[in-house]
Every structure is written in structure tokens, then in C-alpha cells.
Amino acid sequence: MTEKTNVLILFSDEHRYDAMGCAGHSLVKTPHLDRLASDGTRFTRAYTPSPICVPARASLATGQYVHKNRCWSNAQAYQGEPVSWGHQLMRQGHRVDSIGKLHYRGNEYDNGFGEEILPMYIRDGKGWIKGLLRDHEAVLDVSAYTSEIGPGENSYTDYDLEVTRHACTWLKDAGAAKSDKPWTLFVSWLRPHYPLICPEAFYHLYPLEEMDEARFRSEQALPQHPVTQAIRRAFNYDERFDDQTRQIARASYYGLCSFLDAQVGAVMDVLEQTGQADNTLVIYTSDHGDHNGDRRMWTKMSLYDESARIPMLIQGPDIPGAKTIDTLASLVDIYPTVLQAVDAEDDEIDRPGLSLRSLIDGASADRGVLSEYHDGGSPVGMFMWRKGQWKYNCYPGYAPELFDLAADPDELCDLSQDPAYSQDLKRCQDDMGALLDPIAANDLAFADQAERISQLGGVEAILASEEFDHTPTPSG
């Protein structure tokens, strides 16, 4: 890295790993992200620590997996502890600001940013509390999701345009300012997160007659594990679609990916115009993915790659261009990446992340990464251990799953009960066990959630609370 390297983190919401031209998608148009990948390095196997917003963002901030930071669900948000990379940088005199969605608990906490511009927190400081009732499957009305599709204007799109405007202004001001220390800016958009209402110009990039179809929709290809089946029942959006509306929803998602790409392009243009591109490390990634109809599932909340795998691109000083890295990566890697880039000191706390620069240089090519889900629809904690060719899914109290992603990249053939793979299964179990005890983590999650349910007035009070399917923007 150069002597003074700024960090610009560009963060989206619900962008699946393969919905980019640079990832090989035949339809999705993302010219600005493609350029970022061409000028930099793309991590082809990056995963979220949790396939839902709040826990993923807490792990991004703290560099800790969910079972460590205990932000288990969308009703248990980050509130300034454990310390974030932002805290570390600010105590060493760096300017650290955020623009856009945080999904933390609120502004009354020290969240690790000097200034939070246009922040979006969890709703009313409580978040989606019905997800705490994990033994109640019918806690969400899915009708709004399936009706809010197609071309049009929406508050989420308006919000993102304002995030982009503020980010461009911030970069112009930073380019004119003089500082002895590099800055770090976190820019966080809502899209392509639903509602699946897409600006008309971007929606029409994907004519329905040219659209592909959702994958793995036959009965034999649908999820067979009882925990994933419970998730599908709890969030059964697909039954509300017919053949045409399903394609409209999918085209809207693609269009929102292209809209998000345009926001990235606008910010990158200003970075270049202000003369800061040569000494700024740019990281693009997302909190989790989206099924977009695959397996008759929508949104996230599963351990399948459509949900748990994310895009991750990095460009900047000393970063190779047009390079792909297959080493597993995670959002917990952002913490050490930022500190290394600005040459900041870290504390002595042990964290699982590795800097992306070290992964580019060949470090820990055989590492494993973890993802967890402890929110609505799941009767038990869901733990994914990804290492080498293997994906091992652990569900305390239920049978596990084992997928050989080299031979079965679509995760259609569970090998966990095949005696021929018993040693592979045990090795994955042992590897996960070296990082955490999934039974103990599951028990702790339920204990913390029981305490939160009590604080909120009990089960009946939560069931009687107002329903919502996505967090409103700050302007409503």
C-alpha cells in the first residue's frame, strides 16, 4: 500500500454473488462493477457471516462471527459493542464517516463513526421483533412482497439516490481537505433489496420474453431438510406468484442490481474526478444474497449459495487488476483489511478475519468460513461451515447436510448419510467444532432471545405488534 491510503467501502443490500456481468451472468448488466473487477481483484467464494441484514452488518463492524457478537437477529442490533474497526480508527485520529443504511440500534450509541449521514437504523430501535418467535411460522404476511413488483418509483430507490448524492459531495469535500491521515467512508445503499419496484429505465433492460427462469423448481429439486422446509413455509412468497408475476419480480430484481451498479459508478466517477482514486482502496460487497425464485424461495434466510454467498471486489494501490481469488473470504475480513490499508494499530482481541490483501498474496488458501442464522422461521440455529470443496450445514437436534460443491455446485445431493463420505463429514464437524460449539451457541441464542421477548412484553405483545416486511426509510 502507499503511505496514505484511504478506504471507500461500497455496500449494498441483498446482492447475490452471481448477479454481475463479471461473475459470468448472461443477463445482468453491471458495467461499473465489471470495471471495478477488471481494474482490481474479485473474490469468487465470499460468504456472509449471516444471511440476514442485522447480524451480517454487526459481523462486518466487529470482525466477529454472530455467536461472538450476539447480534443474533433483526431484533438484536449492533449498539456500539464489541468495538468496531471504526472505533479503532477514530481513536487513532482518522476520519471515519458513514452514509446510508446501518441497521444498527440507533444514534444514541457510539457506533464507530464520527458522522452518520442519512442513517437508517432498525425500526423504532426494536427491529423485526416477530422473528424472535421462532416456533411461530405464520408471523409474516407475504402479500406485500408479491404485489410490490414491476416498474415504478419507491422510497427505497429515492433513498439510494440521496445516499449517492451525499457520497459524491463528501468525496468532493474530502478531496479539497488537507489531512495527515487517510479517511475511511462507508457508503451503504438499500438496493437491490425489495420492494421489487424498479425504476422504469432499469426494469426495461430486462424484457420478460428474454428473461431466464428460476432454477430448481421441480419437486425433486426442492429443499428436503426439515429446517429449510420450515423456512420455506414461514416465508412462502412463491405461492403468491403466477408464471407472469414471478418473471416480473425476477426482472425487477435484475433491474435493481443494474440501478445499484449505476450508483456505484456515480461514486467512482467522483472519486476519480477528485484525484483520490490512486490512493484509495475501494471495497464493494453486500450483506447477503437473494434466492430470486430459485428453489421456490425468495429473499435470503437459507444456507444455500444464493442466499449466503456474496459479491466481493477490491481495487486500489497495489491490488492486482483483472484477478480472481478462489480462497474463501468473509465479511469478517473487512475489519483487518481496513486497518491494514490505513496502517492503523489493532487491539489484542482475537478475531477470525484475514486481510483481503493477505488472501491475494496467497495466505490461508485452505481456510474455512462460517455462516449462521438464528432468526424467524428457523426452529433451531443454522450453522454453515465452508472449507475446500465442502459445505457442511449443522442444525442442532436435526440431521446435518454435506455437499460436495466441486461435484455438486447446485447443492442438490446431500451426502451426509452416505457411509462413503463419513470421514469427510467428521472432518467438517471437527473443523467447525474447533471454532464453536453449535449446541452451546444455539442455546445461548435462544436464551438471549427469550430475555428480549420478556423485555418486549412477552409473546402475545409481540404477536399483536404492527407487521412490516422491510424497514422504512428515515423519511418514512
Protein backbone atom coordinates (compact mmCIF):
# COMPACT_ATOMS: atom_id res chain seq x y z
CA MET A 1 0.00 0.00 0.00
CA THR A 2 1.07 3.62 -0.49
CA GLU A 3 1.94 5.78 2.50
CA LYS A 4 -1.54 7.32 2.70
CA THR A 5 -4.32 5.02 1.56
CA ASN A 6 -7.94 6.00 2.08
CA VAL A 7 -10.66 3.34 2.26
CA LEU A 8 -14.02 3.57 0.49
CA ILE A 9 -16.42 0.76 1.34
CA LEU A 10 -19.34 0.47 -1.08
CA PHE A 11 -22.00 -1.72 0.47
CA SER A 12 -25.27 -2.97 -0.98
CA ASP A 13 -28.18 -4.94 0.42
CA GLU A 14 -29.23 -8.38 -0.81
CA HIS A 15 -26.98 -8.63 -3.89
CA ARG A 16 -26.41 -12.26 -4.72
CA TYR A 17 -22.91 -13.28 -5.72
CA ASP A 18 -23.63 -14.16 -9.35
CA ALA A 19 -25.82 -11.18 -10.34
CA MET A 20 -22.99 -9.32 -12.09
CA GLY A 21 -21.55 -9.46 -15.55
CA CYS A 22 -18.06 -10.00 -14.13
CA ALA A 23 -19.36 -13.09 -12.31
CA GLY A 24 -20.45 -14.56 -15.63
CA HIS A 25 -24.16 -13.79 -15.55
CA SER A 26 -25.52 -13.81 -19.09
CA LEU A 27 -28.24 -11.20 -18.47
CA VAL A 28 -27.45 -8.90 -15.56
CA LYS A 29 -25.88 -5.64 -16.72
CA THR A 30 -23.38 -4.20 -14.22
CA PRO A 31 -20.79 -2.26 -16.24
CA HIS A 32 -19.43 -0.28 -13.30
CA LEU A 33 -18.93 -3.29 -11.06
CA ASP A 34 -17.43 -5.10 -14.04
CA ARG A 35 -14.93 -2.27 -14.41
CA LEU A 36 -14.14 -2.43 -10.70
CA ALA A 37 -13.42 -6.14 -11.12
CA SER A 38 -11.36 -5.53 -14.27
CA ASP A 39 -9.25 -2.89 -12.54
CA GLY A 40 -8.98 -4.90 -9.33
CA THR A 41 -9.48 -8.32 -7.77
CA ARG A 42 -12.68 -10.34 -7.39
CA PHE A 43 -13.12 -12.89 -4.62
CA THR A 44 -15.15 -15.67 -6.19
CA ARG A 45 -16.05 -17.51 -2.97
CA ALA A 46 -17.04 -14.87 -0.43
CA TYR A 47 -19.71 -15.55 2.20
CA THR A 48 -21.76 -13.62 4.68
CA PRO A 49 -21.50 -14.44 8.40
CA SER A 50 -25.31 -14.48 8.45
CA PRO A 51 -27.89 -14.50 5.63
CA ILE A 52 -29.96 -11.67 7.11
CA CYS A 53 -29.29 -7.95 7.45
CA VAL A 54 -28.67 -7.04 11.10
CA PRO A 55 -26.38 -9.93 12.13
CA ALA A 56 -24.36 -9.64 8.90
CA ARG A 57 -23.77 -5.93 9.45
CA ALA A 58 -22.78 -6.46 13.08
CA SER A 59 -20.18 -9.00 11.95
CA LEU A 60 -18.91 -6.58 9.32
CA ALA A 61 -18.47 -3.91 12.01
CA THR A 62 -16.90 -6.05 14.72
CA GLY A 63 -14.95 -8.62 12.73
CA GLN A 64 -16.63 -11.25 14.92
CA TYR A 65 -18.96 -14.05 13.96
CA VAL A 66 -22.55 -13.87 15.18
CA HIS A 67 -22.12 -16.29 18.10
CA LYS A 68 -19.43 -13.94 19.45
CA ASN A 69 -21.06 -10.51 19.00
CA ARG A 70 -24.53 -11.93 19.89
CA CYS A 71 -26.42 -9.78 17.42
CA TRP A 72 -28.45 -12.85 16.58
CA SER A 73 -31.41 -11.47 14.67
CA ASN A 74 -33.04 -8.46 13.05
CA ALA A 75 -34.33 -7.52 16.51
CA GLN A 76 -30.91 -7.68 18.20
CA ALA A 77 -28.86 -5.00 16.51
CA TYR A 78 -25.37 -3.64 16.98
CA GLN A 79 -25.19 -0.87 19.58
CA GLY A 80 -21.52 0.00 19.73
CA GLU A 81 -20.16 -3.18 21.32
CA PRO A 82 -17.93 -5.07 20.68
CA VAL A 83 -15.64 -2.37 19.28
CA SER A 84 -15.67 -1.88 15.53
CA TRP A 85 -12.95 -1.05 13.05
CA GLY A 86 -14.42 2.45 13.08
CA HIS A 87 -13.76 2.78 16.81
CA GLN A 88 -10.20 1.63 16.27
CA LEU A 89 -9.57 4.17 13.52
CA MET A 90 -11.18 7.12 15.30
CA ARG A 91 -9.15 6.64 18.48
CA GLN A 92 -6.06 6.88 16.25
CA GLY A 93 -7.17 10.16 14.72
CA HIS A 94 -8.72 9.03 11.44
CA ARG A 95 -11.85 10.50 9.90
CA VAL A 96 -14.46 7.73 9.71
CA ASP A 97 -17.96 8.52 8.44
CA SER A 98 -20.96 6.59 7.15
CA ILE A 99 -23.60 7.46 4.59
CA GLY A 100 -26.77 5.38 4.31
CA LYS A 101 -28.13 2.23 5.85
CA LEU A 102 -26.51 0.95 9.03
CA HIS A 103 -29.26 -1.22 10.53
CA TYR A 104 -27.79 -0.65 13.99
CA ARG A 105 -29.98 0.00 17.01
CA GLY A 106 -29.90 3.81 16.91
CA ASN A 107 -27.97 7.07 17.05
CA GLU A 108 -27.85 7.20 20.85
CA TYR A 109 -24.98 4.72 20.73
CA ASP A 110 -21.35 5.23 19.72
CA ASN A 111 -21.46 3.15 16.55
CA GLY A 112 -17.89 3.81 15.44
CA PHE A 113 -18.48 6.68 13.04
CA GLY A 114 -17.63 10.34 13.50
CA GLU A 115 -20.64 11.35 11.44
CA GLU A 116 -23.62 9.24 10.36
CA ILE A 117 -25.14 10.87 7.29
CA LEU A 118 -28.66 9.84 6.24
CA PRO A 119 -28.50 6.87 8.63
CA MET A 120 -31.10 4.11 8.61
CA TYR A 121 -31.41 2.11 11.83
CA ILE A 122 -33.68 -0.75 12.79
CA ARG A 123 -37.30 0.34 13.11
CA ASP A 124 -38.04 2.17 16.39
CA GLY A 125 -34.86 0.80 17.92
CA LYS A 126 -36.56 -2.62 18.08
CA GLY A 127 -36.40 -4.05 14.60
CA TRP A 128 -38.34 -7.06 13.32
CA ILE A 129 -39.44 -8.43 16.68
CA LYS A 130 -41.78 -11.10 15.31
CA GLY A 131 -38.75 -13.01 14.09
CA LEU A 132 -37.91 -13.66 17.75
CA LEU A 133 -40.88 -16.06 17.84
CA ARG A 134 -39.07 -18.82 16.06
CA ASP A 135 -41.61 -21.52 16.93
CA HIS A 136 -44.34 -19.45 15.24
CA GLU A 137 -44.23 -20.00 11.48
CA ALA A 138 -47.04 -17.65 10.46
CA VAL A 139 -45.55 -14.36 11.69
CA LEU A 140 -45.27 -12.55 8.34
CA ASP A 141 -47.84 -11.53 5.76
CA VAL A 142 -46.12 -12.16 2.42
CA SER A 143 -48.72 -10.42 0.27
CA ALA A 144 -46.98 -7.03 0.18
CA TYR A 145 -43.79 -8.57 -1.19
CA THR A 146 -45.58 -10.24 -4.08
CA SER A 147 -47.68 -7.22 -5.01
CA GLU A 148 -44.89 -4.61 -4.93
CA ILE A 149 -43.19 -5.59 -8.17
CA GLY A 150 -42.52 -4.16 -11.60
CA PRO A 151 -41.60 -0.69 -12.91
CA GLY A 152 -42.19 2.37 -10.76
CA GLU A 153 -40.87 4.68 -8.09
CA ASN A 154 -40.27 3.70 -4.50
CA SER A 155 -38.91 5.24 -1.30
CA TYR A 156 -36.00 2.77 -1.30
CA THR A 157 -34.88 4.00 -4.71
CA ASP A 158 -35.29 7.64 -3.65
CA TYR A 159 -33.23 6.97 -0.53
CA ASP A 160 -30.42 5.38 -2.54
CA LEU A 161 -30.27 8.36 -4.87
CA GLU A 162 -29.83 10.59 -1.83
CA VAL A 163 -27.10 8.31 -0.48
CA THR A 164 -25.27 8.65 -3.78
CA ARG A 165 -25.66 12.43 -3.79
CA HIS A 166 -24.31 12.73 -0.25
CA ALA A 167 -21.43 10.37 -1.02
CA CYS A 168 -20.39 12.42 -4.05
CA THR A 169 -20.50 15.63 -2.01
CA TRP A 170 -18.48 14.01 0.79
CA LEU A 171 -15.77 12.88 -1.63
CA LYS A 172 -15.52 16.33 -3.19
CA ASP A 173 -15.06 17.85 0.25
CA ALA A 174 -12.51 15.21 1.25
CA GLY A 175 -10.56 15.82 -1.96
CA ALA A 176 -10.29 19.50 -1.15
CA ALA A 177 -9.41 18.98 2.52
CA LYS A 178 -5.89 18.55 3.85
CA SER A 179 -5.27 15.82 6.39
CA ASP A 180 -2.24 13.99 7.67
CA LYS A 181 -4.20 10.75 7.99
CA PRO A 182 -6.24 8.82 5.45
CA TRP A 183 -10.02 8.77 5.69
CA THR A 184 -12.48 5.87 5.64
CA LEU A 185 -16.00 6.24 4.24
CA PHE A 186 -18.74 3.62 4.45
CA VAL A 187 -21.40 4.12 1.75
CA SER A 188 -24.40 1.83 2.18
CA TRP A 189 -27.32 1.52 -0.25
CA LEU A 190 -30.62 -0.36 0.15
CA ARG A 191 -30.85 -1.88 -3.29
CA PRO A 192 -31.36 -4.46 -4.71
CA HIS A 193 -33.32 -5.27 -1.50
CA TYR A 194 -37.09 -5.47 -2.04
CA PRO A 195 -39.69 -3.95 -2.52
CA LEU A 196 -39.16 -5.19 -6.06
CA ILE A 197 -40.34 -1.94 -7.60
CA CYS A 198 -37.70 -0.88 -10.07
CA PRO A 199 -37.06 2.44 -11.82
CA GLU A 200 -38.58 2.12 -15.26
CA ALA A 201 -35.38 2.63 -17.26
CA PHE A 202 -33.63 -0.17 -15.41
CA TYR A 203 -36.64 -2.50 -15.39
CA HIS A 204 -36.89 -2.29 -19.17
CA LEU A 205 -33.32 -3.55 -19.52
CA TYR A 206 -34.84 -6.98 -18.90
CA PRO A 207 -37.75 -7.72 -21.28
CA LEU A 208 -39.80 -10.61 -19.94
CA GLU A 209 -39.53 -12.53 -23.20
CA GLU A 210 -35.74 -12.54 -22.79
CA MET A 211 -35.69 -13.42 -19.09
CA ASP A 212 -34.25 -16.63 -17.74
CA GLU A 213 -36.32 -18.71 -15.31
CA ALA A 214 -35.81 -19.54 -11.66
CA ARG A 215 -33.84 -22.73 -11.08
CA PHE A 216 -34.53 -25.94 -9.14
CA ARG A 217 -38.31 -25.60 -9.04
CA SER A 218 -39.22 -29.24 -9.58
CA GLU A 219 -40.45 -31.22 -6.59
CA GLN A 220 -37.34 -33.40 -6.51
CA ALA A 221 -35.05 -30.36 -6.54
CA LEU A 222 -36.78 -28.52 -3.68
CA PRO A 223 -35.12 -28.42 -0.23
CA GLN A 224 -35.55 -31.66 1.65
CA HIS A 225 -34.14 -30.75 5.06
CA PRO A 226 -36.91 -30.13 7.62
CA VAL A 227 -35.35 -26.89 8.88
CA THR A 228 -35.12 -25.40 5.39
CA GLN A 229 -38.65 -26.62 4.70
CA ALA A 230 -39.77 -24.71 7.81
CA ILE A 231 -38.12 -21.59 6.39
CA ARG A 232 -39.97 -22.07 3.10
CA ARG A 233 -43.31 -22.44 4.90
CA ALA A 234 -42.68 -19.35 7.01
CA PHE A 235 -41.77 -17.22 4.00
CA ASN A 236 -43.80 -18.82 1.24
CA TYR A 237 -43.75 -15.92 -1.19
CA ASP A 238 -43.66 -18.20 -4.20
CA GLU A 239 -47.21 -19.50 -3.81
CA ARG A 240 -48.50 -15.94 -4.36
CA PHE A 241 -46.85 -15.69 -7.79
CA ASP A 242 -48.08 -17.00 -11.11
CA ASP A 243 -45.83 -17.59 -14.11
CA GLN A 244 -46.01 -13.97 -15.27
CA THR A 245 -45.71 -12.19 -11.92
CA ARG A 246 -42.81 -14.43 -10.96
CA GLN A 247 -40.92 -13.25 -14.04
CA ILE A 248 -41.84 -9.62 -13.36
CA ALA A 249 -40.39 -9.97 -9.86
CA ARG A 250 -37.21 -11.57 -11.18
CA ALA A 251 -36.78 -8.89 -13.84
CA SER A 252 -37.28 -6.24 -11.17
CA TYR A 253 -34.50 -7.77 -9.08
CA TYR A 254 -32.14 -7.74 -12.05
CA GLY A 255 -33.13 -4.15 -12.79
CA LEU A 256 -32.41 -3.15 -9.20
CA CYS A 257 -28.98 -4.75 -9.49
CA SER A 258 -28.35 -2.51 -12.50
CA PHE A 259 -29.70 0.51 -10.62
CA LEU A 260 -27.32 -0.25 -7.75
CA ASP A 261 -24.49 -0.58 -10.26
CA ALA A 262 -25.25 2.92 -11.56
CA GLN A 263 -24.93 4.31 -8.02
CA VAL A 264 -21.53 2.64 -7.68
CA GLY A 265 -20.50 4.18 -10.99
CA ALA A 266 -21.54 7.68 -9.93
CA VAL A 267 -19.48 7.49 -6.74
CA MET A 268 -16.47 6.01 -8.52
CA ASP A 269 -16.60 8.80 -11.10
CA VAL A 270 -16.33 11.45 -8.38
CA LEU A 271 -13.50 9.55 -6.68
CA GLU A 272 -11.58 9.76 -9.95
CA GLN A 273 -12.56 13.37 -10.70
CA THR A 274 -11.29 14.50 -7.28
CA GLY A 275 -7.91 12.87 -7.82
CA GLN A 276 -8.32 10.38 -4.99
CA ALA A 277 -8.65 7.14 -6.93
CA ASP A 278 -4.92 6.40 -6.99
CA ASN A 279 -4.60 6.45 -3.20
CA THR A 280 -7.95 4.91 -2.19
CA LEU A 281 -8.70 1.26 -1.54
CA VAL A 282 -12.23 0.56 -2.79
CA ILE A 283 -14.14 -2.44 -1.47
CA TYR A 284 -17.51 -3.48 -2.90
CA THR A 285 -19.58 -6.16 -1.20
CA SER A 286 -23.07 -6.91 0.14
CA ASP A 287 -24.63 -8.14 3.37
CA HIS A 288 -26.11 -11.34 1.88
CA GLY A 289 -27.67 -12.70 -1.29
CA ASP A 290 -31.19 -13.40 -2.58
CA HIS A 291 -32.81 -16.55 -3.96
CA ASN A 292 -34.82 -14.60 -6.56
CA GLY A 293 -37.14 -17.57 -7.02
CA ASP A 294 -34.59 -20.38 -7.05
CA ARG A 295 -35.90 -23.44 -5.15
CA ARG A 296 -39.23 -21.56 -4.98
CA MET A 297 -37.60 -19.34 -2.37
CA TRP A 298 -37.27 -15.55 -2.25
CA THR A 299 -35.16 -13.13 -0.26
CA LYS A 300 -32.47 -14.76 1.91
CA MET A 301 -32.54 -16.74 5.18
CA SER A 302 -31.03 -20.02 3.99
CA LEU A 303 -27.56 -21.54 3.80
CA TYR A 304 -27.74 -22.09 0.04
CA ASP A 305 -25.21 -20.13 -2.00
CA GLU A 306 -27.95 -17.96 -3.49
CA SER A 307 -28.50 -16.58 0.00
CA ALA A 308 -25.21 -16.99 1.87
CA ARG A 309 -22.68 -16.19 -0.85
CA ILE A 310 -21.90 -12.58 -1.71
CA PRO A 311 -20.03 -10.47 -4.27
CA MET A 312 -16.68 -9.06 -3.11
CA LEU A 313 -14.46 -6.81 -5.21
CA ILE A 314 -11.41 -4.79 -4.21
CA GLN A 315 -9.45 -2.19 -6.16
CA GLY A 316 -6.71 0.23 -5.21
CA PRO A 317 -2.99 0.72 -4.65
CA ASP A 318 -1.01 -2.49 -5.14
CA ILE A 319 -4.16 -4.53 -5.83
CA PRO A 320 -3.73 -6.70 -8.94
CA GLY A 321 -6.04 -5.97 -11.86
CA ALA A 322 -8.29 -8.49 -13.60
CA LYS A 323 -7.51 -11.10 -10.97
CA THR A 324 -9.80 -13.65 -9.32
CA ILE A 325 -9.15 -15.27 -5.95
CA ASP A 326 -10.80 -18.57 -5.05
CA THR A 327 -9.68 -18.55 -1.40
CA LEU A 328 -12.73 -18.34 0.84
CA ALA A 329 -13.49 -14.83 2.08
CA SER A 330 -16.00 -13.35 4.52
CA LEU A 331 -17.36 -10.03 5.73
CA VAL A 332 -15.30 -10.54 8.90
CA ASP A 333 -12.26 -9.96 6.67
CA ILE A 334 -13.21 -6.31 6.13
CA TYR A 335 -12.08 -5.38 9.67
CA PRO A 336 -8.39 -6.34 9.24
CA THR A 337 -8.44 -5.14 5.62
CA VAL A 338 -9.39 -1.60 6.64
CA LEU A 339 -6.89 -1.40 9.48
CA GLN A 340 -4.07 -2.70 7.30
CA ALA A 341 -4.90 -0.29 4.48
CA VAL A 342 -4.65 2.84 6.63
CA ASP A 343 -1.74 1.43 8.67
CA ALA A 344 -3.69 1.56 11.92
CA GLU A 345 -2.97 -0.48 15.03
CA ASP A 346 -5.37 -3.14 16.23
CA ASP A 347 -6.11 -4.26 19.76
CA GLU A 348 -5.13 -7.69 21.05
CA ILE A 349 -8.57 -9.27 20.65
CA ASP A 350 -8.52 -12.47 18.61
CA ARG A 351 -10.71 -12.20 15.51
CA PRO A 352 -11.23 -14.77 12.74
CA GLY A 353 -10.81 -12.41 9.80
CA LEU A 354 -7.83 -12.09 7.47
CA SER A 355 -7.00 -9.06 5.37
CA LEU A 356 -8.05 -9.38 1.76
CA ARG A 357 -4.56 -8.24 0.80
CA SER A 358 -3.12 -11.30 2.56
CA LEU A 359 -5.56 -13.57 0.72
CA ILE A 360 -4.43 -12.05 -2.59
CA ASP A 361 -0.86 -12.80 -1.56
CA GLY A 362 -1.74 -16.47 -1.01
CA ALA A 363 -2.30 -16.65 2.74
CA SER A 364 -4.55 -19.35 4.20
CA ALA A 365 -5.66 -20.83 0.91
CA ASP A 366 -7.20 -23.76 2.83
CA ARG A 367 -9.15 -21.68 5.38
CA GLY A 368 -12.78 -22.21 6.28
CA VAL A 369 -15.53 -19.65 6.88
CA LEU A 370 -18.71 -19.73 8.95
CA SER A 371 -22.26 -18.52 8.44
CA GLU A 372 -25.11 -18.65 10.99
CA TYR A 373 -28.85 -17.98 11.05
CA HIS A 374 -30.86 -17.53 14.27
CA ASP A 375 -33.94 -15.60 13.17
CA GLY A 376 -37.57 -16.02 12.16
CA GLY A 377 -38.76 -19.22 10.55
CA SER A 378 -35.92 -21.37 11.87
CA PRO A 379 -36.83 -23.76 14.72
CA VAL A 380 -33.14 -24.15 15.54
CA GLY A 381 -29.85 -22.41 14.80
CA MET A 382 -28.42 -22.99 11.32
CA PHE A 383 -24.62 -23.21 11.03
CA MET A 384 -22.70 -23.46 7.76
CA TRP A 385 -19.03 -24.41 7.62
CA ARG A 386 -17.47 -23.89 4.20
CA LYS A 387 -13.98 -25.25 3.53
CA GLY A 388 -12.32 -26.65 0.44
CA GLN A 389 -14.87 -28.44 -1.71
CA TRP A 390 -17.22 -28.97 1.22
CA LYS A 391 -20.23 -27.23 2.63
CA TYR A 392 -21.31 -28.68 5.96
CA ASN A 393 -24.59 -27.50 7.48
CA CYS A 394 -25.28 -28.19 11.14
CA TYR A 395 -28.75 -27.97 12.72
CA PRO A 396 -28.61 -28.92 16.44
CA GLY A 397 -31.15 -31.64 17.11
CA TYR A 398 -31.54 -32.45 13.41
CA ALA A 399 -29.51 -34.37 10.84
CA PRO A 400 -26.71 -32.38 9.20
CA GLU A 401 -26.15 -31.78 5.50
CA LEU A 402 -22.97 -32.26 3.49
CA PHE A 403 -22.48 -31.02 -0.06
CA ASP A 404 -19.50 -31.56 -2.34
CA LEU A 405 -19.57 -28.26 -4.21
CA ALA A 406 -16.87 -29.39 -6.63
CA ALA A 407 -19.11 -32.16 -7.94
CA ASP A 408 -22.47 -30.64 -6.97
CA PRO A 409 -22.28 -26.82 -7.14
CA ASP A 410 -26.08 -26.57 -7.10
CA GLU A 411 -26.33 -28.25 -3.68
CA LEU A 412 -28.84 -30.86 -4.79
CA CYS A 413 -27.23 -34.02 -3.37
CA ASP A 414 -26.85 -34.26 0.41
CA LEU A 415 -24.07 -36.74 1.21
CA SER A 416 -24.32 -36.63 4.99
CA GLN A 417 -25.99 -40.04 5.29
CA ASP A 418 -23.76 -41.78 2.74
CA PRO A 419 -21.20 -44.03 4.52
CA ALA A 420 -18.70 -43.37 1.75
CA TYR A 421 -18.40 -39.77 2.99
CA SER A 422 -18.37 -40.43 6.73
CA GLN A 423 -14.76 -39.31 7.12
CA ASP A 424 -15.40 -36.11 5.19
CA LEU A 425 -18.42 -35.45 7.38
CA LYS A 426 -16.43 -35.99 10.56
CA ARG A 427 -13.63 -33.74 9.37
CA CYS A 428 -16.11 -30.94 8.74
CA GLN A 429 -17.72 -31.49 12.13
CA ASP A 430 -14.33 -31.35 13.81
CA ASP A 431 -13.32 -28.21 11.90
CA MET A 432 -16.50 -26.43 12.94
CA GLY A 433 -16.07 -27.71 16.49
CA ALA A 434 -12.64 -26.10 16.70
CA LEU A 435 -14.32 -22.72 16.11
CA LEU A 436 -17.53 -23.08 18.10
CA ASP A 437 -19.85 -25.49 19.87
CA PRO A 438 -23.03 -25.20 17.77
CA ILE A 439 -25.23 -26.66 20.52
CA ALA A 440 -23.94 -24.13 23.07
CA ALA A 441 -24.26 -21.28 20.56
CA ASN A 442 -27.81 -22.35 19.74
CA ASP A 443 -28.73 -22.45 23.43
CA LEU A 444 -27.21 -19.02 24.01
CA ALA A 445 -29.15 -17.54 21.09
CA PHE A 446 -32.45 -18.86 22.41
CA ALA A 447 -31.63 -17.65 25.93
CA ASP A 448 -30.80 -14.15 24.69
CA GLN A 449 -33.95 -14.10 22.59
CA ALA A 450 -36.12 -15.28 25.47
CA GLU A 451 -34.78 -12.38 27.52
CA ARG A 452 -35.54 -9.95 24.70
CA ILE A 453 -39.07 -11.35 24.30
CA SER A 454 -39.65 -10.73 28.01
CA GLN A 455 -38.34 -7.16 27.73
CA LEU A 456 -40.79 -6.53 24.89
CA GLY A 457 -43.80 -7.67 26.95
CA GLY A 458 -43.98 -11.34 26.07
CA VAL A 459 -45.16 -13.45 23.16
CA GLU A 460 -48.69 -12.07 22.99
CA ALA A 461 -47.45 -8.48 22.88
CA ILE A 462 -45.11 -9.34 20.03
CA LEU A 463 -47.84 -11.17 18.10
CA ALA A 464 -50.08 -8.12 18.48
CA SER A 465 -47.41 -5.70 17.23
CA GLU A 466 -47.64 -3.98 13.86
CA GLU A 467 -46.45 -6.07 10.93
CA PHE A 468 -43.88 -4.87 8.39
CA ASP A 469 -41.86 -6.68 5.77
CA HIS A 470 -38.96 -4.24 5.37
CA THR A 471 -37.54 -1.37 7.37
CA PRO A 472 -38.97 2.02 6.37
CA THR A 473 -36.62 4.72 5.17
CA PRO A 474 -35.84 7.60 7.56
CA SER A 475 -38.32 9.81 5.69
CA GLY A 476 -40.99 7.15 6.02
